């Protein structure tokens, strides 16, 4: 799962926006705050904040994760700790995060490994 420039840019912008309130204290004026927020919104408008789907490689078949569909029902904090960024998953962490949530909510693929793992 290689990272690309777009993912790195999105992570950096999201981190900046997430931590911006810590830096906006009494030393900054309203004008600087407005300009900073405007700049971040402009940068975000130049990129896709979250791709429609990610493909995670697995030995028993790749998994396609539909990020847009999940964002309709959940907040970023439901999956991401801290600022939203690309999550590197391995077997254990994916099953804990993804399958654990599906089991907790009783929705989505639950019956068999092939519900998520698809071979080409």
PDB file of N, CA and C in Angstrom:
ATOM      1  N   UNK A   1       0.835  -1.175   0.000  1.00  0.00           N
ATOM      2  CA  UNK A   1       0.000   0.000   0.000  1.00  0.00           C
ATOM      3  C   UNK A   1       0.881   1.239   0.000  1.00  0.00           C
ATOM      4  N   UNK A   2       1.233   1.692  -1.147  1.00  0.00           N
ATOM      5  CA  UNK A   2       2.080   2.859  -1.236  1.00  0.00           C
ATOM      6  C   UNK A   2       1.293   4.147  -1.082  1.00  0.00           C
ATOM      7  N   UNK A   3       1.917   5.101  -0.475  1.00  0.00           N
ATOM      8  CA  UNK A   3       1.313   6.414  -0.314  1.00  0.00           C
ATOM      9  C   UNK A   3       1.678   7.250  -1.522  1.00  0.00           C
ATOM     10  N   UNK A   4       0.855   8.222  -1.842  1.00  0.00           N
ATOM     11  CA  UNK A   4       1.193   9.099  -2.938  1.00  0.00           C
ATOM     12  C   UNK A   4       1.163  10.543  -2.456  1.00  0.00           C
ATOM     13  N   UNK A   5       1.554  11.445  -3.346  1.00  0.00           N
ATOM     14  CA  UNK A   5       1.668  12.855  -2.995  1.00  0.00           C
ATOM     15  C   UNK A   5       0.334  13.436  -2.551  1.00  0.00           C
ATOM     16  N   UNK A   6      -0.752  13.034  -3.211  1.00  0.00           N
ATOM     17  CA  UNK A   6      -2.069  13.559  -2.856  1.00  0.00           C
ATOM     18  C   UNK A   6      -2.450  13.157  -1.432  1.00  0.00           C
ATOM     19  N   UNK A   7      -2.195  11.906  -1.050  1.00  0.00           N
ATOM     20  CA  UNK A   7      -2.521  11.453   0.301  1.00  0.00           C
ATOM     21  C   UNK A   7      -1.698  12.209   1.337  1.00  0.00           C
ATOM     22  N   UNK A   8      -0.412  12.441   1.039  1.00  0.00           N
ATOM     23  CA  UNK A   8       0.434  13.196   1.956  1.00  0.00           C
ATOM     24  C   UNK A   8      -0.057  14.630   2.104  1.00  0.00           C
ATOM     25  N   UNK A   9      -0.446  15.259   0.999  1.00  0.00           N
ATOM     26  CA  UNK A   9      -0.960  16.626   1.045  1.00  0.00           C
ATOM     27  C   UNK A   9      -2.240  16.694   1.869  1.00  0.00           C
ATOM     28  N   UNK A  10      -3.133  15.758   1.641  1.00  0.00           N
ATOM     29  CA  UNK A  10      -4.390  15.730   2.398  1.00  0.00           C
ATOM     30  C   UNK A  10      -4.111  15.562   3.884  1.00  0.00           C
ATOM     31  N   UNK A  11      -3.188  14.659   4.242  1.00  0.00           N
ATOM     32  CA  UNK A  11      -2.828  14.463   5.647  1.00  0.00           C
ATOM     33  C   UNK A  11      -2.284  15.743   6.263  1.00  0.00           C
ATOM     34  N   UNK A  12      -1.398  16.435   5.543  1.00  0.00           N
ATOM     35  CA  UNK A  12      -0.793  17.657   6.073  1.00  0.00           C
ATOM     36  C   UNK A  12      -1.818  18.765   6.251  1.00  0.00           C
ATOM     37  N   UNK A  13      -2.704  18.930   5.289  1.00  0.00           N
ATOM     38  CA  UNK A  13      -3.737  19.961   5.398  1.00  0.00           C
ATOM     39  C   UNK A  13      -4.700  19.623   6.527  1.00  0.00           C
ATOM     40  N   UNK A  14      -5.118  18.365   6.620  1.00  0.00           N
ATOM     41  CA  UNK A  14      -6.033  17.960   7.684  1.00  0.00           C
ATOM     42  C   UNK A  14      -5.399  18.161   9.053  1.00  0.00           C
ATOM     43  N   UNK A  15      -4.134  17.839   9.188  1.00  0.00           N
ATOM     44  CA  UNK A  15      -3.435  18.028  10.457  1.00  0.00           C
ATOM     45  C   UNK A  15      -3.373  19.505  10.824  1.00  0.00           C
ATOM     46  N   UNK A  16      -3.081  20.359   9.824  1.00  0.00           N
ATOM     47  CA  UNK A  16      -3.015  21.788  10.086  1.00  0.00           C
ATOM     48  C   UNK A  16      -4.365  22.313  10.561  1.00  0.00           C
ATOM     49  N   UNK A  17      -5.426  21.941   9.865  1.00  0.00           N
ATOM     50  CA  UNK A  17      -6.763  22.414  10.236  1.00  0.00           C
ATOM     51  C   UNK A  17      -7.145  21.894  11.614  1.00  0.00           C
ATOM     52  N   UNK A  18      -6.798  20.641  11.896  1.00  0.00           N
ATOM     53  CA  UNK A  18      -7.135  20.029  13.184  1.00  0.00           C
ATOM     54  C   UNK A  18      -6.433  20.742  14.341  1.00  0.00           C
ATOM     55  N   UNK A  19      -5.192  21.176  14.127  1.00  0.00           N
ATOM     56  CA  UNK A  19      -4.419  21.810  15.196  1.00  0.00           C
ATOM     57  C   UNK A  19      -4.516  23.331  15.180  1.00  0.00           C
ATOM     58  N   UNK A  20      -5.171  23.916  14.181  1.00  0.00           N
ATOM     59  CA  UNK A  20      -5.257  25.370  14.060  1.00  0.00           C
ATOM     60  C   UNK A  20      -5.794  26.054  15.311  1.00  0.00           C
ATOM     61  N   UNK A  21      -6.852  25.543  15.951  1.00  0.00           N
ATOM     62  CA  UNK A  21      -7.362  26.241  17.146  1.00  0.00           C
ATOM     63  C   UNK A  21      -6.330  26.388  18.263  1.00  0.00           C
ATOM     64  N   UNK A  22      -5.360  25.480  18.374  1.00  0.00           N
ATOM     65  CA  UNK A  22      -4.330  25.573  19.407  1.00  0.00           C
ATOM     66  C   UNK A  22      -3.449  26.803  19.194  1.00  0.00           C
ATOM     67  N   UNK A  23      -3.271  27.188  17.919  1.00  0.00           N
ATOM     68  CA  UNK A  23      -2.399  28.308  17.603  1.00  0.00           C
ATOM     69  C   UNK A  23      -3.148  29.637  17.547  1.00  0.00           C
ATOM     70  N   UNK A  24      -4.457  29.586  17.449  1.00  0.00           N
ATOM     71  CA  UNK A  24      -5.244  30.810  17.359  1.00  0.00           C
ATOM     72  C   UNK A  24      -5.631  31.270  18.759  1.00  0.00           C
ATOM     73  N   UNK A  25      -4.691  31.915  19.407  1.00  0.00           N
ATOM     74  CA  UNK A  25      -4.955  32.423  20.748  1.00  0.00           C
ATOM     75  C   UNK A  25      -4.972  33.947  20.703  1.00  0.00           C
ATOM     76  N   UNK A  26      -4.828  34.584  21.823  1.00  0.00           N
ATOM     77  CA  UNK A  26      -4.906  36.035  21.898  1.00  0.00           C
ATOM     78  C   UNK A  26      -3.861  36.773  21.082  1.00  0.00           C
ATOM     79  N   UNK A  27      -2.785  36.121  20.670  1.00  0.00           N
ATOM     80  CA  UNK A  27      -1.733  36.783  19.915  1.00  0.00           C
ATOM     81  C   UNK A  27      -2.115  37.013  18.456  1.00  0.00           C
ATOM     82  N   UNK A  28      -3.103  36.302  17.978  1.00  0.00           N
ATOM     83  CA  UNK A  28      -3.508  36.423  16.580  1.00  0.00           C
ATOM     84  C   UNK A  28      -4.740  37.308  16.469  1.00  0.00           C
ATOM     85  N   UNK A  29      -4.813  38.013  15.372  1.00  0.00           N
ATOM     86  CA  UNK A  29      -5.980  38.853  15.148  1.00  0.00           C
ATOM     87  C   UNK A  29      -7.009  38.077  14.354  1.00  0.00           C
ATOM     88  N   UNK A  30      -8.207  38.613  14.300  1.00  0.00           N
ATOM     89  CA  UNK A  30      -9.285  37.982  13.554  1.00  0.00           C
ATOM     90  C   UNK A  30      -8.932  37.917  12.069  1.00  0.00           C
ATOM     91  N   UNK A  31      -8.241  38.909  11.567  1.00  0.00           N
ATOM     92  CA  UNK A  31      -7.872  38.933  10.148  1.00  0.00           C
ATOM     93  C   UNK A  31      -6.933  37.773   9.821  1.00  0.00           C
ATOM     94  N   UNK A  32      -5.945  37.532  10.643  1.00  0.00           N
ATOM     95  CA  UNK A  32      -5.015  36.426  10.407  1.00  0.00           C
ATOM     96  C   UNK A  32      -5.760  35.098  10.480  1.00  0.00           C
ATOM     97  N   UNK A  33      -6.673  34.971  11.436  1.00  0.00           N
ATOM     98  CA  UNK A  33      -7.440  33.741  11.564  1.00  0.00           C
ATOM     99  C   UNK A  33      -8.272  33.509  10.304  1.00  0.00           C
ATOM    100  N   UNK A  34      -8.951  34.544   9.829  1.00  0.00           N
ATOM    101  CA  UNK A  34      -9.772  34.408   8.631  1.00  0.00           C
ATOM    102  C   UNK A  34      -8.922  34.058   7.412  1.00  0.00           C
ATOM    103  N   UNK A  35      -7.754  34.689   7.290  1.00  0.00           N
ATOM    104  CA  UNK A  35      -6.880  34.399   6.148  1.00  0.00           C
ATOM    105  C   UNK A  35      -6.348  32.965   6.208  1.00  0.00           C
ATOM    106  N   UNK A  36      -6.023  32.487   7.402  1.00  0.00           N
ATOM    107  CA  UNK A  36      -5.529  31.114   7.542  1.00  0.00           C
ATOM    108  C   UNK A  36      -6.599  30.102   7.167  1.00  0.00           C
ATOM    109  N   UNK A  37      -7.798  30.328   7.648  1.00  0.00           N
ATOM    110  CA  UNK A  37      -8.898  29.415   7.327  1.00  0.00           C
ATOM    111  C   UNK A  37      -9.214  29.467   5.840  1.00  0.00           C
ATOM    112  N   UNK A  38      -9.220  30.651   5.258  1.00  0.00           N
ATOM    113  CA  UNK A  38      -9.467  30.791   3.819  1.00  0.00           C
ATOM    114  C   UNK A  38      -8.410  30.050   3.018  1.00  0.00           C
ATOM    115  N   UNK A  39      -7.126  30.179   3.410  1.00  0.00           N
ATOM    116  CA  UNK A  39      -6.051  29.486   2.707  1.00  0.00           C
ATOM    117  C   UNK A  39      -6.234  27.975   2.776  1.00  0.00           C
ATOM    118  N   UNK A  40      -6.588  27.462   3.934  1.00  0.00           N
ATOM    119  CA  UNK A  40      -6.788  26.020   4.068  1.00  0.00           C
ATOM    120  C   UNK A  40      -7.969  25.543   3.235  1.00  0.00           C
ATOM    121  N   UNK A  41      -9.037  26.322   3.201  1.00  0.00           N
ATOM    122  CA  UNK A  41     -10.187  25.947   2.378  1.00  0.00           C
ATOM    123  C   UNK A  41      -9.824  25.958   0.895  1.00  0.00           C
ATOM    124  N   UNK A  42      -8.996  26.899   0.492  1.00  0.00           N
ATOM    125  CA  UNK A  42      -8.552  26.947  -0.911  1.00  0.00           C
ATOM    126  C   UNK A  42      -7.698  25.723  -1.239  1.00  0.00           C
ATOM    127  N   UNK A  43      -6.797  25.347  -0.339  1.00  0.00           N
ATOM    128  CA  UNK A  43      -5.972  24.163  -0.569  1.00  0.00           C
ATOM    129  C   UNK A  43      -6.830  22.905  -0.651  1.00  0.00           C
ATOM    130  N   UNK A  44      -7.808  22.803   0.229  1.00  0.00           N
ATOM    131  CA  UNK A  44      -8.680  21.639   0.198  1.00  0.00           C
ATOM    132  C   UNK A  44      -9.514  21.588  -1.075  1.00  0.00           C
ATOM    133  N   UNK A  45      -9.897  22.739  -1.578  1.00  0.00           N
ATOM    134  CA  UNK A  45     -10.696  22.738  -2.797  1.00  0.00           C
ATOM    135  C   UNK A  45      -9.889  22.291  -4.007  1.00  0.00           C
ATOM    136  N   UNK A  46      -8.576  22.323  -3.912  1.00  0.00           N
ATOM    137  CA  UNK A  46      -7.715  21.887  -5.010  1.00  0.00           C
ATOM    138  C   UNK A  46      -7.455  20.383  -4.991  1.00  0.00           C
ATOM    139  N   UNK A  47      -7.882  19.716  -3.939  1.00  0.00           N
ATOM    140  CA  UNK A  47      -7.663  18.278  -3.827  1.00  0.00           C
ATOM    141  C   UNK A  47      -8.976  17.584  -3.538  1.00  0.00           C
ATOM    142  N   UNK A  48      -8.991  16.311  -3.698  1.00  0.00           N
ATOM    143  CA  UNK A  48     -10.139  15.517  -3.289  1.00  0.00           C
ATOM    144  C   UNK A  48      -9.891  15.144  -1.843  1.00  0.00           C
ATOM    145  N   UNK A  49     -10.781  15.561  -0.954  1.00  0.00           N
ATOM    146  CA  UNK A  49     -10.557  15.341   0.471  1.00  0.00           C
ATOM    147  C   UNK A  49     -10.535  13.861   0.805  1.00  0.00           C
ATOM    148  N   UNK A  50     -11.412  13.106   0.240  1.00  0.00           N
ATOM    149  CA  UNK A  50     -11.433  11.676   0.484  1.00  0.00           C
ATOM    150  C   UNK A  50     -11.847  10.967  -0.790  1.00  0.00           C
ATOM    151  N   UNK A  51     -10.981  10.092  -1.237  1.00  0.00           N
ATOM    152  CA  UNK A  51     -11.294   9.355  -2.448  1.00  0.00           C
ATOM    153  C   UNK A  51     -12.535   8.506  -2.241  1.00  0.00           C
ATOM    154  N   UNK A  52     -13.176   8.166  -3.340  1.00  0.00           N
ATOM    155  CA  UNK A  52     -14.393   7.371  -3.267  1.00  0.00           C
ATOM    156  C   UNK A  52     -14.149   5.991  -2.703  1.00  0.00           C
ATOM    157  N   UNK A  53     -13.073   5.345  -3.128  1.00  0.00           N
ATOM    158  CA  UNK A  53     -12.816   3.982  -2.666  1.00  0.00           C
ATOM    159  C   UNK A  53     -11.318   3.726  -2.591  1.00  0.00           C
ATOM    160  N   UNK A  54     -10.932   2.955  -1.623  1.00  0.00           N
ATOM    161  CA  UNK A  54      -9.546   2.512  -1.456  1.00  0.00           C
ATOM    162  C   UNK A  54      -9.520   1.001  -1.621  1.00  0.00           C
ATOM    163  N   UNK A  55      -8.443   0.496  -2.186  1.00  0.00           N
ATOM    164  CA  UNK A  55      -8.262  -0.940  -2.302  1.00  0.00           C
ATOM    165  C   UNK A  55      -7.094  -1.353  -1.418  1.00  0.00           C
ATOM    166  N   UNK A  56      -7.375  -2.250  -0.502  1.00  0.00           N
ATOM    167  CA  UNK A  56      -6.351  -2.789   0.378  1.00  0.00           C
ATOM    168  C   UNK A  56      -6.000  -4.184  -0.111  1.00  0.00           C
ATOM    169  N   UNK A  57      -4.715  -4.427  -0.286  1.00  0.00           N
ATOM    170  CA  UNK A  57      -4.236  -5.720  -0.778  1.00  0.00           C
ATOM    171  C   UNK A  57      -4.214  -6.733   0.358  1.00  0.00           C
ATOM    172  N   UNK A  58      -4.669  -7.945   0.045  1.00  0.00           N
ATOM    173  CA  UNK A  58      -4.650  -9.030   1.022  1.00  0.00           C
ATOM    174  C   UNK A  58      -4.363 -10.333   0.286  1.00  0.00           C
ATOM    175  N   UNK A  59      -3.704 -11.253   0.948  1.00  0.00           N
ATOM    176  CA  UNK A  59      -3.313 -12.503   0.304  1.00  0.00           C
ATOM    177  C   UNK A  59      -4.524 -13.321  -0.158  1.00  0.00           C
ATOM    178  N   UNK A  60      -5.637 -13.185   0.522  1.00  0.00           N
ATOM    179  CA  UNK A  60      -6.814 -13.984   0.178  1.00  0.00           C
ATOM    180  C   UNK A  60      -7.864 -13.186  -0.593  1.00  0.00           C
ATOM    181  N   UNK A  61      -7.440 -12.097  -1.210  1.00  0.00           N
ATOM    182  CA  UNK A  61      -8.325 -11.273  -2.025  1.00  0.00           C
ATOM    183  C   UNK A  61      -8.339  -9.831  -1.542  1.00  0.00           C
ATOM    184  N   UNK A  62      -8.335  -8.903  -2.489  1.00  0.00           N
ATOM    185  CA  UNK A  62      -8.296  -7.490  -2.144  1.00  0.00           C
ATOM    186  C   UNK A  62      -9.627  -7.028  -1.548  1.00  0.00           C
ATOM    187  N   UNK A  63      -9.543  -5.981  -0.731  1.00  0.00           N
ATOM    188  CA  UNK A  63     -10.713  -5.412  -0.085  1.00  0.00           C
ATOM    189  C   UNK A  63     -10.891  -3.995  -0.601  1.00  0.00           C
ATOM    190  N   UNK A  64     -12.080  -3.691  -1.082  1.00  0.00           N
ATOM    191  CA  UNK A  64     -12.389  -2.334  -1.525  1.00  0.00           C
ATOM    192  C   UNK A  64     -13.203  -1.660  -0.429  1.00  0.00           C
ATOM    193  N   UNK A  65     -12.690  -0.528   0.035  1.00  0.00           N
ATOM    194  CA  UNK A  65     -13.335   0.227   1.098  1.00  0.00           C
ATOM    195  C   UNK A  65     -13.937   1.486   0.490  1.00  0.00           C
ATOM    196  N   UNK A  66     -15.249   1.637   0.579  1.00  0.00           N
ATOM    197  CA  UNK A  66     -15.957   2.790   0.037  1.00  0.00           C
ATOM    198  C   UNK A  66     -16.018   3.891   1.098  1.00  0.00           C
ATOM    199  N   UNK A  67     -15.064   4.812   1.032  1.00  0.00           N
ATOM    200  CA  UNK A  67     -14.941   5.866   2.042  1.00  0.00           C
ATOM    201  C   UNK A  67     -16.134   6.816   2.012  1.00  0.00           C
ATOM    202  N   UNK A  68     -16.582   7.202   0.826  1.00  0.00           N
ATOM    203  CA  UNK A  68     -17.701   8.144   0.711  1.00  0.00           C
ATOM    204  C   UNK A  68     -18.954   7.573   1.360  1.00  0.00           C
ATOM    205  N   UNK A  69     -19.220   6.311   1.116  1.00  0.00           N
ATOM    206  CA  UNK A  69     -20.395   5.677   1.710  1.00  0.00           C
ATOM    207  C   UNK A  69     -20.314   5.667   3.240  1.00  0.00           C
ATOM    208  N   UNK A  70     -19.145   5.393   3.775  1.00  0.00           N
ATOM    209  CA  UNK A  70     -18.989   5.381   5.227  1.00  0.00           C
ATOM    210  C   UNK A  70     -19.102   6.787   5.810  1.00  0.00           C
ATOM    211  N   UNK A  71     -18.620   7.802   5.091  1.00  0.00           N
ATOM    212  CA  UNK A  71     -18.698   9.186   5.578  1.00  0.00           C
ATOM    213  C   UNK A  71     -20.140   9.688   5.674  1.00  0.00           C
ATOM    214  N   UNK A  72     -21.027   9.069   4.922  1.00  0.00           N
ATOM    215  CA  UNK A  72     -22.445   9.468   4.997  1.00  0.00           C
ATOM    216  C   UNK A  72     -23.052   9.095   6.356  1.00  0.00           C
ATOM    217  N   UNK A  73     -22.504   8.078   6.988  1.00  0.00           N
ATOM    218  CA  UNK A  73     -23.093   7.557   8.216  1.00  0.00           C
ATOM    219  C   UNK A  73     -22.258   7.751   9.475  1.00  0.00           C
ATOM    220  N   UNK A  74     -20.989   8.129   9.320  1.00  0.00           N
ATOM    221  CA  UNK A  74     -20.093   8.212  10.462  1.00  0.00           C
ATOM    222  C   UNK A  74     -19.270   9.495  10.412  1.00  0.00           C
ATOM    223  N   UNK A  75     -18.756   9.905  11.550  1.00  0.00           N
ATOM    224  CA  UNK A  75     -17.847  11.047  11.602  1.00  0.00           C
ATOM    225  C   UNK A  75     -16.418  10.547  11.451  1.00  0.00           C
ATOM    226  N   UNK A  76     -15.501  11.453  11.167  1.00  0.00           N
ATOM    227  CA  UNK A  76     -14.083  11.079  11.029  1.00  0.00           C
ATOM    228  C   UNK A  76     -13.565  10.415  12.307  1.00  0.00           C
ATOM    229  N   UNK A  77     -13.979  10.948  13.458  1.00  0.00           N
ATOM    230  CA  UNK A  77     -13.516  10.435  14.744  1.00  0.00           C
ATOM    231  C   UNK A  77     -13.961   9.017  15.056  1.00  0.00           C
ATOM    232  N   UNK A  78     -14.960   8.513  14.340  1.00  0.00           N
ATOM    233  CA  UNK A  78     -15.391   7.132  14.573  1.00  0.00           C
ATOM    234  C   UNK A  78     -14.300   6.136  14.187  1.00  0.00           C
ATOM    235  N   UNK A  79     -13.474   6.493  13.216  1.00  0.00           N
ATOM    236  CA  UNK A  79     -12.414   5.582  12.756  1.00  0.00           C
ATOM    237  C   UNK A  79     -11.015   6.136  13.008  1.00  0.00           C
ATOM    238  N   UNK A  80     -10.855   7.438  12.816  1.00  0.00           N
ATOM    239  CA  UNK A  80      -9.535   8.058  12.919  1.00  0.00           C
ATOM    240  C   UNK A  80      -9.299   8.583  14.324  1.00  0.00           C
ATOM    241  N   UNK A  81      -8.134   8.274  14.877  1.00  0.00           N
ATOM    242  CA  UNK A  81      -7.701   8.872  16.138  1.00  0.00           C
ATOM    243  C   UNK A  81      -6.905  10.107  15.794  1.00  0.00           C
ATOM    244  N   UNK A  82      -7.343  11.264  16.270  1.00  0.00           N
ATOM    245  CA  UNK A  82      -6.674  12.508  15.915  1.00  0.00           C
ATOM    246  C   UNK A  82      -7.169  13.002  14.571  1.00  0.00           C
ATOM    247  N   UNK A  83      -6.339  13.780  13.882  1.00  0.00           N
ATOM    248  CA  UNK A  83      -6.784  14.330  12.600  1.00  0.00           C
ATOM    249  C   UNK A  83      -6.979  13.227  11.570  1.00  0.00           C
ATOM    250  N   UNK A  84      -7.954  13.406  10.686  1.00  0.00           N
ATOM    251  CA  UNK A  84      -8.170  12.399   9.642  1.00  0.00           C
ATOM    252  C   UNK A  84      -6.931  12.247   8.768  1.00  0.00           C
ATOM    253  N   UNK A  85      -6.541  11.028   8.549  1.00  0.00           N
ATOM    254  CA  UNK A  85      -5.405  10.721   7.684  1.00  0.00           C
ATOM    255  C   UNK A  85      -5.549   9.283   7.221  1.00  0.00           C
ATOM    256  N   UNK A  86      -4.785   8.918   6.218  1.00  0.00           N
ATOM    257  CA  UNK A  86      -4.822   7.570   5.682  1.00  0.00           C
ATOM    258  C   UNK A  86      -4.446   6.586   6.784  1.00  0.00           C
ATOM    259  N   UNK A  87      -5.213   5.528   6.925  1.00  0.00           N
ATOM    260  CA  UNK A  87      -4.955   4.525   7.952  1.00  0.00           C
ATOM    261  C   UNK A  87      -4.270   3.323   7.311  1.00  0.00           C
ATOM    262  N   UNK A  88      -3.076   3.015   7.784  1.00  0.00           N
ATOM    263  CA  UNK A  88      -2.386   1.807   7.336  1.00  0.00           C
ATOM    264  C   UNK A  88      -2.985   0.636   8.105  1.00  0.00           C
ATOM    265  N   UNK A  89      -3.458  -0.353   7.385  1.00  0.00           N
ATOM    266  CA  UNK A  89      -4.079  -1.502   8.029  1.00  0.00           C
ATOM    267  C   UNK A  89      -3.321  -2.779   7.725  1.00  0.00           C
ATOM    268  N   UNK A  90      -3.232  -3.638   8.713  1.00  0.00           N
ATOM    269  CA  UNK A  90      -2.744  -4.996   8.484  1.00  0.00           C
ATOM    270  C   UNK A  90      -3.884  -5.932   8.893  1.00  0.00           C
ATOM    271  N   UNK A  91      -3.638  -7.205   8.874  1.00  0.00           N
ATOM    272  CA  UNK A  91      -4.688  -8.181   9.168  1.00  0.00           C
ATOM    273  C   UNK A  91      -5.368  -7.902  10.498  1.00  0.00           C
ATOM    274  N   UNK A  92      -4.573  -7.773  11.563  1.00  0.00           N
ATOM    275  CA  UNK A  92      -5.141  -7.609  12.900  1.00  0.00           C
ATOM    276  C   UNK A  92      -5.867  -6.277  13.073  1.00  0.00           C
ATOM    277  N   UNK A  93      -5.235  -5.189  12.633  1.00  0.00           N
ATOM    278  CA  UNK A  93      -5.866  -3.882  12.825  1.00  0.00           C
ATOM    279  C   UNK A  93      -7.118  -3.720  11.969  1.00  0.00           C
ATOM    280  N   UNK A  94      -7.126  -4.285  10.776  1.00  0.00           N
ATOM    281  CA  UNK A  94      -8.308  -4.197   9.903  1.00  0.00           C
ATOM    282  C   UNK A  94      -9.469  -4.976  10.501  1.00  0.00           C
ATOM    283  N   UNK A  95      -9.181  -6.163  10.998  1.00  0.00           N
ATOM    284  CA  UNK A  95     -10.263  -6.946  11.587  1.00  0.00           C
ATOM    285  C   UNK A  95     -10.793  -6.289  12.865  1.00  0.00           C
ATOM    286  N   UNK A  96      -9.898  -5.693  13.644  1.00  0.00           N
ATOM    287  CA  UNK A  96     -10.343  -5.025  14.871  1.00  0.00           C
ATOM    288  C   UNK A  96     -11.186  -3.801  14.539  1.00  0.00           C
ATOM    289  N   UNK A  97     -10.709  -2.960  13.635  1.00  0.00           N
ATOM    290  CA  UNK A  97     -11.423  -1.725  13.310  1.00  0.00           C
ATOM    291  C   UNK A  97     -12.654  -1.985  12.445  1.00  0.00           C
ATOM    292  N   UNK A  98     -12.454  -2.603  11.313  1.00  0.00           N
ATOM    293  CA  UNK A  98     -13.536  -2.749  10.329  1.00  0.00           C
ATOM    294  C   UNK A  98     -14.538  -3.838  10.718  1.00  0.00           C
ATOM    295  N   UNK A  99     -14.043  -5.036  10.862  1.00  0.00           N
ATOM    296  CA  UNK A  99     -14.936  -6.144  11.193  1.00  0.00           C
ATOM    297  C   UNK A  99     -15.555  -5.951  12.575  1.00  0.00           C
ATOM    298  N   UNK A 100     -14.769  -5.392  13.489  1.00  0.00           N
ATOM    299  CA  UNK A 100     -15.293  -5.116  14.824  1.00  0.00           C
ATOM    300  C   UNK A 100     -16.478  -4.161  14.781  1.00  0.00           C
ATOM    301  N   UNK A 101     -16.388  -3.132  13.968  1.00  0.00           N
ATOM    302  CA  UNK A 101     -17.477  -2.164  13.841  1.00  0.00           C
ATOM    303  C   UNK A 101     -18.689  -2.812  13.173  1.00  0.00           C
ATOM    304  N   UNK A 102     -18.452  -3.584  12.111  1.00  0.00           N
ATOM    305  CA  UNK A 102     -19.560  -4.261  11.437  1.00  0.00           C
ATOM    306  C   UNK A 102     -20.290  -5.206  12.388  1.00  0.00           C
ATOM    307  N   UNK A 103     -19.550  -5.914  13.212  1.00  0.00           N
ATOM    308  CA  UNK A 103     -20.175  -6.830  14.179  1.00  0.00           C
ATOM    309  C   UNK A 103     -20.937  -6.054  15.261  1.00  0.00           C
ATOM    310  N   UNK A 104     -20.336  -4.979  15.740  1.00  0.00           N
ATOM    311  CA  UNK A 104     -20.966  -4.166  16.784  1.00  0.00           C
ATOM    312  C   UNK A 104     -22.304  -3.608  16.298  1.00  0.00           C
ATOM    313  N   UNK A 105     -22.331  -3.127  15.047  1.00  0.00           N
ATOM    314  CA  UNK A 105     -23.546  -2.530  14.505  1.00  0.00           C
ATOM    315  C   UNK A 105     -24.483  -3.555  13.879  1.00  0.00           C
ATOM    316  N   UNK A 106     -23.975  -4.757  13.617  1.00  0.00           N
ATOM    317  CA  UNK A 106     -24.790  -5.801  13.007  1.00  0.00           C
ATOM    318  C   UNK A 106     -25.171  -5.517  11.567  1.00  0.00           C
ATOM    319  N   UNK A 107     -24.316  -4.802  10.847  1.00  0.00           N
ATOM    320  CA  UNK A 107     -24.579  -4.456   9.448  1.00  0.00           C
ATOM    321  C   UNK A 107     -23.349  -4.727   8.597  1.00  0.00           C
ATOM    322  N   UNK A 108     -23.567  -4.778   7.299  1.00  0.00           N
ATOM    323  CA  UNK A 108     -22.462  -4.959   6.372  1.00  0.00           C
ATOM    324  C   UNK A 108     -22.041  -6.403   6.270  1.00  0.00           C
ATOM    325  N   UNK A 109     -20.897  -6.633   5.631  1.00  0.00           N
ATOM    326  CA  UNK A 109     -20.423  -7.998   5.449  1.00  0.00           C
ATOM    327  C   UNK A 109     -20.033  -8.637   6.781  1.00  0.00           C
ATOM    328  N   UNK A 110     -20.663  -9.761   7.094  1.00  0.00           N
ATOM    329  CA  UNK A 110     -20.411 -10.429   8.368  1.00  0.00           C
ATOM    330  C   UNK A 110     -20.298 -11.946   8.253  1.00  0.00           C
ATOM    331  N   UNK A 111     -20.795 -12.519   7.172  1.00  0.00           N
ATOM    332  CA  UNK A 111     -20.962 -13.962   7.095  1.00  0.00           C
ATOM    333  C   UNK A 111     -19.690 -14.737   6.765  1.00  0.00           C
ATOM    334  N   UNK A 112     -18.956 -14.272   5.769  1.00  0.00           N
ATOM    335  CA  UNK A 112     -17.830 -15.048   5.280  1.00  0.00           C
ATOM    336  C   UNK A 112     -16.710 -14.114   4.844  1.00  0.00           C
ATOM    337  N   UNK A 113     -15.477 -14.593   4.883  1.00  0.00           N
ATOM    338  CA  UNK A 113     -14.323 -13.786   4.473  1.00  0.00           C
ATOM    339  C   UNK A 113     -14.512 -13.191   3.076  1.00  0.00           C
ATOM    340  N   UNK A 114     -15.120 -13.968   2.187  1.00  0.00           N
ATOM    341  CA  UNK A 114     -15.294 -13.512   0.805  1.00  0.00           C
ATOM    342  C   UNK A 114     -16.301 -12.391   0.669  1.00  0.00           C
ATOM    343  N   UNK A 115     -17.006 -12.048   1.751  1.00  0.00           N
ATOM    344  CA  UNK A 115     -17.882 -10.876   1.706  1.00  0.00           C
ATOM    345  C   UNK A 115     -17.074  -9.600   1.513  1.00  0.00           C
ATOM    346  N   UNK A 116     -15.866  -9.574   2.045  1.00  0.00           N
ATOM    347  CA  UNK A 116     -14.978  -8.421   1.881  1.00  0.00           C
ATOM    348  C   UNK A 116     -13.829  -8.707   0.930  1.00  0.00           C
ATOM    349  N   UNK A 117     -13.244  -9.897   1.055  1.00  0.00           N
ATOM    350  CA  UNK A 117     -12.070 -10.251   0.261  1.00  0.00           C
ATOM    351  C   UNK A 117     -12.509 -10.757  -1.104  1.00  0.00           C
ATOM    352  N   UNK A 118     -12.138 -10.011  -2.161  1.00  0.00           N
ATOM    353  CA  UNK A 118     -12.524 -10.366  -3.540  1.00  0.00           C
ATOM    354  C   UNK A 118     -11.280 -10.667  -4.349  1.00  0.00           C
ATOM    355  N   UNK A 119     -11.301 -11.796  -5.015  1.00  0.00           N
ATOM    356  CA  UNK A 119     -10.202 -12.160  -5.923  1.00  0.00           C
ATOM    357  C   UNK A 119     -10.568 -11.726  -7.331  1.00  0.00           C
ATOM    358  N   UNK A 120      -9.553 -11.232  -8.048  1.00  0.00           N
ATOM    359  CA  UNK A 120      -9.781 -10.829  -9.442  1.00  0.00           C
ATOM    360  C   UNK A 120      -9.897 -12.009 -10.357  1.00  0.00           C
TER     361      UNK A 120
END
